[in-house]
Amino acid sequence: MTLEQLKQAKEQYDVNGYAVYPNVLDKELIQEAAEHVNWLMKQNPDLRPENLGNTLMTDDPFWVRLISDDRLLDIAEQYIGPDIALFASHYISKPPYDGRPVLWHQDGSYWPLEPMNVVTLWLAVDDSLPENGCLRVIPGTQTMELQEMKKNTKTANVLESEVDPALVEESKAVDLILPAGGVSVHHPNVIHGSEPNHSPLRRCGLTIRYIPTSTKITIPQWPSAFLLRGKAVPGVNDYLPFPKYVEGKHMPFRGCEDWA
């Protein structure tokens, strides 16, 4: 993207709490990400595909390679500066016909971060469309204070919780339609969610939560704390070493020999 396009997207984010970058990663890398989801499901058959979370990535070189791609970090840098760490990443893969919804929520309400200086990049692994449960955002709600999320297990949903429905003006919701390889960015306070997937198309997205190295993860021994760009701030976080690729143990990928 050009500097002007990056600037325009950041301006949209400042006003609405989200921004969209339609074409970021190449088809070959996105195909590997799709294969990675299938590989993870085989490794973790007891998990729902919407629940492939950050505890799985500590020793996963492809996952760390993916979230540390310079094209993603260049976007994140527009929001949090040049010293970038990973807080968490999570595949939410909604299978055809049976994909669970994500109820309206604010991300920051769940997170052990001080201060809440963090940005989420949502990477479309599949085309993300209204019919297969794309991300939906309530523009402007990034100015709302973080609310306590309420438990909700009445219907099957990914987070088993939601923001108070009285705070959601659903008529203002915007569908974030993205082609595979596209990225949306959203603020930790903005209200967002997604519908169930009743279509024949899978809808997989990878959430990537980047923090500046000045933001502290308040739970020790965090399983996805990686320093990705720039310098650490002494005494703030302990970062994990990048995982090494081991043939037969990890999913093979382009360039895996450089991770051995």
Protein backbone atom coordinates (compact mmCIF):
# COMPACT_ATOMS: atom_id res chain seq x y z
CA MET A 1 0.00 0.00 0.00
CA THR A 2 1.11 3.56 -0.62
CA LEU A 3 1.79 5.97 2.22
CA GLU A 4 -1.33 7.89 1.21
CA GLN A 5 -3.48 4.74 1.47
CA LEU A 6 -1.97 3.94 4.87
CA LYS A 7 -2.73 7.47 6.01
CA GLN A 8 -6.34 7.29 4.80
CA ALA A 9 -6.89 3.97 6.57
CA LYS A 10 -5.49 5.36 9.82
CA GLU A 11 -7.79 8.38 9.53
CA GLN A 12 -10.78 6.05 9.10
CA TYR A 13 -9.67 4.10 12.18
CA ASP A 14 -9.42 7.26 14.26
CA VAL A 15 -13.00 8.23 13.35
CA ASN A 16 -14.73 4.83 13.28
CA GLY A 17 -12.55 2.49 15.36
CA TYR A 18 -11.70 0.25 12.42
CA ALA A 19 -9.99 0.27 9.03
CA VAL A 20 -9.81 -2.09 6.05
CA TYR A 21 -6.81 -3.11 3.92
CA PRO A 22 -8.19 -5.27 1.06
CA ASN A 23 -5.04 -6.96 -0.28
CA VAL A 24 -2.10 -7.50 2.06
CA LEU A 25 -0.71 -11.05 1.88
CA ASP A 26 -0.02 -13.14 -1.22
CA LYS A 27 -2.12 -16.12 -2.26
CA GLU A 28 0.66 -18.63 -1.57
CA LEU A 29 1.04 -17.58 2.06
CA ILE A 30 -2.73 -17.51 2.57
CA GLN A 31 -2.96 -21.03 1.14
CA GLU A 32 -0.35 -22.12 3.68
CA ALA A 33 -2.41 -20.49 6.44
CA ALA A 34 -5.47 -22.42 5.27
CA GLU A 35 -3.44 -25.63 5.34
CA HIS A 36 -2.19 -24.66 8.80
CA VAL A 37 -5.75 -24.55 10.12
CA ASN A 38 -6.39 -28.06 8.78
CA TRP A 39 -3.11 -29.24 10.30
CA LEU A 40 -4.00 -27.71 13.68
CA MET A 41 -7.37 -29.44 13.64
CA LYS A 42 -5.69 -32.80 13.08
CA GLN A 43 -3.32 -32.08 15.97
CA ASN A 44 -6.17 -30.94 18.24
CA PRO A 45 -9.23 -33.03 17.33
CA ASP A 46 -11.03 -32.19 20.58
CA LEU A 47 -11.14 -28.45 19.81
CA ARG A 48 -13.80 -26.61 17.88
CA PRO A 49 -12.24 -24.92 14.83
CA GLU A 50 -13.34 -21.54 16.22
CA ASN A 51 -11.12 -22.13 19.26
CA LEU A 52 -7.58 -22.46 17.87
CA GLY A 53 -6.07 -20.04 20.36
CA ASN A 54 -2.73 -18.58 21.39
CA THR A 55 -1.75 -21.43 23.72
CA LEU A 56 -1.11 -23.52 20.59
CA MET A 57 1.47 -21.19 19.06
CA THR A 58 4.33 -21.27 21.60
CA ASP A 59 6.08 -24.01 19.62
CA ASP A 60 4.61 -23.40 16.16
CA PRO A 61 7.16 -21.86 13.77
CA PHE A 62 4.71 -21.30 10.91
CA TRP A 63 2.30 -19.41 13.14
CA VAL A 64 5.09 -17.14 14.39
CA ARG A 65 6.40 -16.71 10.85
CA LEU A 66 2.92 -15.68 9.71
CA ILE A 67 2.22 -13.07 12.39
CA SER A 68 5.73 -11.62 12.04
CA ASP A 69 5.36 -10.99 8.28
CA ASP A 70 6.67 -7.50 7.51
CA ARG A 71 3.52 -6.57 5.59
CA LEU A 72 1.48 -7.06 8.75
CA LEU A 73 4.01 -5.37 11.00
CA ASP A 74 4.11 -2.35 8.66
CA ILE A 75 0.38 -1.91 9.23
CA ALA A 76 0.65 -2.43 12.98
CA GLU A 77 3.44 0.16 13.17
CA GLN A 78 1.02 2.84 11.95
CA TYR A 79 -0.97 2.31 15.15
CA ILE A 80 1.47 1.40 17.91
CA GLY A 81 4.90 2.55 16.72
CA PRO A 82 8.12 0.74 15.74
CA ASP A 83 8.71 -1.42 18.84
CA ILE A 84 6.24 -4.25 18.33
CA ALA A 85 5.47 -7.42 20.29
CA LEU A 86 2.79 -10.05 19.96
CA PHE A 87 0.25 -10.39 22.73
CA ALA A 88 -1.98 -13.08 21.23
CA SER A 89 -3.29 -14.66 18.05
CA HIS A 90 -6.30 -16.90 17.47
CA TYR A 91 -7.81 -18.64 14.44
CA ILE A 92 -11.59 -18.40 14.43
CA SER A 93 -12.50 -20.88 11.71
CA LYS A 94 -16.25 -21.21 11.20
CA PRO A 95 -17.01 -24.48 9.43
CA PRO A 96 -19.68 -24.64 6.73
CA TYR A 97 -23.28 -24.85 8.00
CA ASP A 98 -22.15 -25.14 11.64
CA GLY A 99 -20.00 -22.07 12.35
CA ARG A 100 -20.70 -20.45 15.70
CA PRO A 101 -21.34 -16.72 16.15
CA VAL A 102 -19.20 -14.29 18.11
CA LEU A 103 -21.60 -12.18 20.16
CA TRP A 104 -21.16 -8.40 20.43
CA HIS A 105 -18.18 -7.60 22.66
CA GLN A 106 -15.17 -5.37 23.32
CA ASP A 107 -11.82 -7.16 23.12
CA GLY A 108 -10.08 -5.12 25.78
CA SER A 109 -12.50 -6.30 28.47
CA TYR A 110 -10.88 -9.75 28.35
CA TRP A 111 -7.20 -8.83 28.23
CA PRO A 112 -4.49 -8.65 30.93
CA LEU A 113 -2.73 -5.57 29.51
CA GLU A 114 -1.51 -2.37 31.19
CA PRO A 115 -2.04 0.09 29.63
CA MET A 116 -4.64 -1.05 27.06
CA ASN A 117 -2.44 0.08 24.18
CA VAL A 118 -2.98 -2.68 21.63
CA VAL A 119 -4.23 -3.10 18.08
CA THR A 120 -5.91 -6.08 16.43
CA LEU A 121 -5.27 -7.08 12.85
CA TRP A 122 -7.89 -9.52 11.57
CA LEU A 123 -6.50 -11.52 8.64
CA ALA A 124 -8.95 -13.14 6.23
CA VAL A 125 -7.76 -16.68 5.54
CA ASP A 126 -10.92 -17.27 3.48
CA ASP A 127 -13.10 -14.76 1.69
CA SER A 128 -15.10 -13.15 4.50
CA LEU A 129 -18.68 -12.38 3.48
CA PRO A 130 -22.02 -11.64 5.17
CA GLU A 131 -23.33 -15.10 4.23
CA ASN A 132 -20.47 -16.96 5.96
CA GLY A 133 -20.28 -14.81 9.09
CA CYS A 134 -17.90 -11.93 8.40
CA LEU A 135 -16.77 -9.54 11.11
CA ARG A 136 -19.26 -6.79 11.96
CA VAL A 137 -18.43 -3.53 13.74
CA ILE A 138 -20.45 -0.75 15.37
CA PRO A 139 -18.56 2.36 14.13
CA GLY A 140 -17.59 4.97 16.68
CA THR A 141 -17.91 2.76 19.75
CA GLN A 142 -14.14 2.87 20.33
CA THR A 143 -14.87 5.95 22.47
CA MET A 144 -16.96 3.84 24.89
CA GLU A 145 -15.29 2.74 28.12
CA LEU A 146 -14.58 -0.95 28.47
CA GLN A 147 -17.58 -2.79 29.89
CA GLU A 148 -17.76 -5.98 31.91
CA MET A 149 -18.76 -8.82 29.60
CA LYS A 150 -21.84 -10.80 30.63
CA LYS A 151 -21.85 -14.61 30.48
CA ASN A 152 -24.13 -15.97 27.76
CA THR A 153 -24.38 -19.69 27.03
CA LYS A 154 -28.05 -19.75 26.00
CA THR A 155 -26.94 -20.39 22.44
CA ALA A 156 -23.61 -21.85 21.34
CA ASN A 157 -21.15 -19.01 20.74
CA VAL A 158 -17.39 -18.64 20.57
CA LEU A 159 -16.73 -16.43 23.63
CA GLU A 160 -19.70 -17.58 25.76
CA SER A 161 -20.18 -13.94 26.75
CA GLU A 162 -21.29 -10.59 25.38
CA VAL A 163 -21.53 -6.88 26.09
CA ASP A 164 -24.83 -5.63 27.53
CA PRO A 165 -27.19 -5.75 24.49
CA ALA A 166 -28.69 -2.42 25.58
CA LEU A 167 -25.39 -0.76 24.60
CA VAL A 168 -25.49 -2.09 21.02
CA GLU A 169 -27.15 -0.11 18.23
CA GLU A 170 -27.24 -3.01 15.82
CA SER A 171 -28.84 -0.89 13.09
CA LYS A 172 -25.48 0.89 12.74
CA ALA A 173 -23.47 -2.32 12.22
CA VAL A 174 -21.10 -2.46 9.25
CA ASP A 175 -20.09 -5.74 7.56
CA LEU A 176 -16.32 -5.92 7.00
CA ILE A 177 -16.19 -7.79 3.69
CA LEU A 178 -12.67 -8.98 2.85
CA PRO A 179 -11.04 -11.17 0.23
CA ALA A 180 -8.66 -13.86 1.44
CA GLY A 181 -5.38 -12.10 2.22
CA GLY A 182 -7.10 -8.88 3.25
CA VAL A 183 -6.85 -7.34 6.70
CA SER A 184 -9.10 -5.28 8.91
CA VAL A 185 -7.83 -3.40 11.95
CA HIS A 186 -9.88 -2.64 15.02
CA HIS A 187 -9.60 -0.81 18.34
CA PRO A 188 -9.75 -2.77 21.63
CA ASN A 189 -12.85 -0.80 22.74
CA VAL A 190 -14.91 -0.96 19.54
CA ILE A 191 -18.00 -3.17 19.76
CA HIS A 192 -17.86 -5.97 17.20
CA GLY A 193 -18.96 -9.54 16.58
CA SER A 194 -20.04 -11.90 13.81
CA GLU A 195 -23.01 -14.01 12.78
CA PRO A 196 -23.09 -17.81 12.62
CA ASN A 197 -22.04 -19.49 9.40
CA HIS A 198 -24.93 -21.40 7.83
CA SER A 199 -23.45 -21.24 4.32
CA PRO A 200 -21.52 -23.97 2.45
CA LEU A 201 -18.37 -21.78 2.64
CA ARG A 202 -15.86 -21.97 5.48
CA ARG A 203 -15.04 -18.60 7.07
CA CYS A 204 -11.65 -18.53 8.71
CA GLY A 205 -9.98 -15.44 10.13
CA LEU A 206 -6.80 -15.05 12.17
CA THR A 207 -6.84 -12.43 14.90
CA ILE A 208 -3.43 -10.94 15.67
CA ARG A 209 -3.05 -8.69 18.74
CA TYR A 210 0.03 -6.49 18.58
CA ILE A 211 1.28 -4.36 21.47
CA PRO A 212 4.03 -1.78 21.76
CA THR A 213 6.81 -3.11 23.96
CA SER A 214 5.83 -0.50 26.57
CA THR A 215 2.55 -2.37 27.25
CA LYS A 216 2.81 -4.96 30.00
CA ILE A 217 1.23 -8.40 29.87
CA THR A 218 0.20 -8.76 33.51
CA ILE A 219 0.01 -12.58 33.57
CA PRO A 220 3.51 -14.12 33.81
CA GLN A 221 4.78 -16.83 31.44
CA TRP A 222 2.35 -15.76 28.74
CA PRO A 223 2.33 -18.41 25.94
CA SER A 224 2.45 -16.03 22.96
CA ALA A 225 4.71 -13.14 24.01
CA PHE A 226 7.14 -12.64 21.12
CA LEU A 227 9.27 -9.61 20.32
CA LEU A 228 8.71 -9.00 16.60
CA ARG A 229 10.26 -5.65 15.70
CA GLY A 230 12.36 -2.98 17.37
CA LYS A 231 13.48 -3.00 21.00
CA ALA A 232 12.09 -4.38 24.23
CA VAL A 233 11.56 -2.08 27.19
CA PRO A 234 13.63 -3.46 30.09
CA GLY A 235 11.55 -4.90 32.91
CA VAL A 236 8.20 -4.83 31.10
CA ASN A 237 7.76 -8.27 29.47
CA ASP A 238 9.68 -11.53 29.17
CA TYR A 239 9.63 -12.65 25.55
CA LEU A 240 9.78 -16.22 24.26
CA PRO A 241 12.42 -17.44 21.81
CA PHE A 242 11.16 -18.05 18.30
CA PRO A 243 10.29 -21.73 17.88
CA LYS A 244 12.63 -23.89 15.78
CA TYR A 245 11.26 -25.91 12.88
CA VAL A 246 11.62 -29.68 13.34
CA GLU A 247 10.80 -31.90 10.38
CA GLY A 248 8.08 -34.38 11.23
CA LYS A 249 6.97 -32.36 14.26
CA HIS A 250 5.82 -29.12 12.65
CA MET A 251 3.89 -28.26 9.51
CA PRO A 252 6.32 -27.72 6.60
CA PHE A 253 6.14 -24.31 4.92
CA ARG A 254 8.06 -22.15 2.44
CA GLY A 255 11.27 -21.05 4.10
CA CYS A 256 10.99 -23.49 7.00
CA GLU A 257 14.67 -24.33 6.60
CA ASP A 258 15.45 -20.82 7.81
CA TRP A 259 13.61 -21.63 11.07
CA ALA A 260 15.51 -24.85 11.76
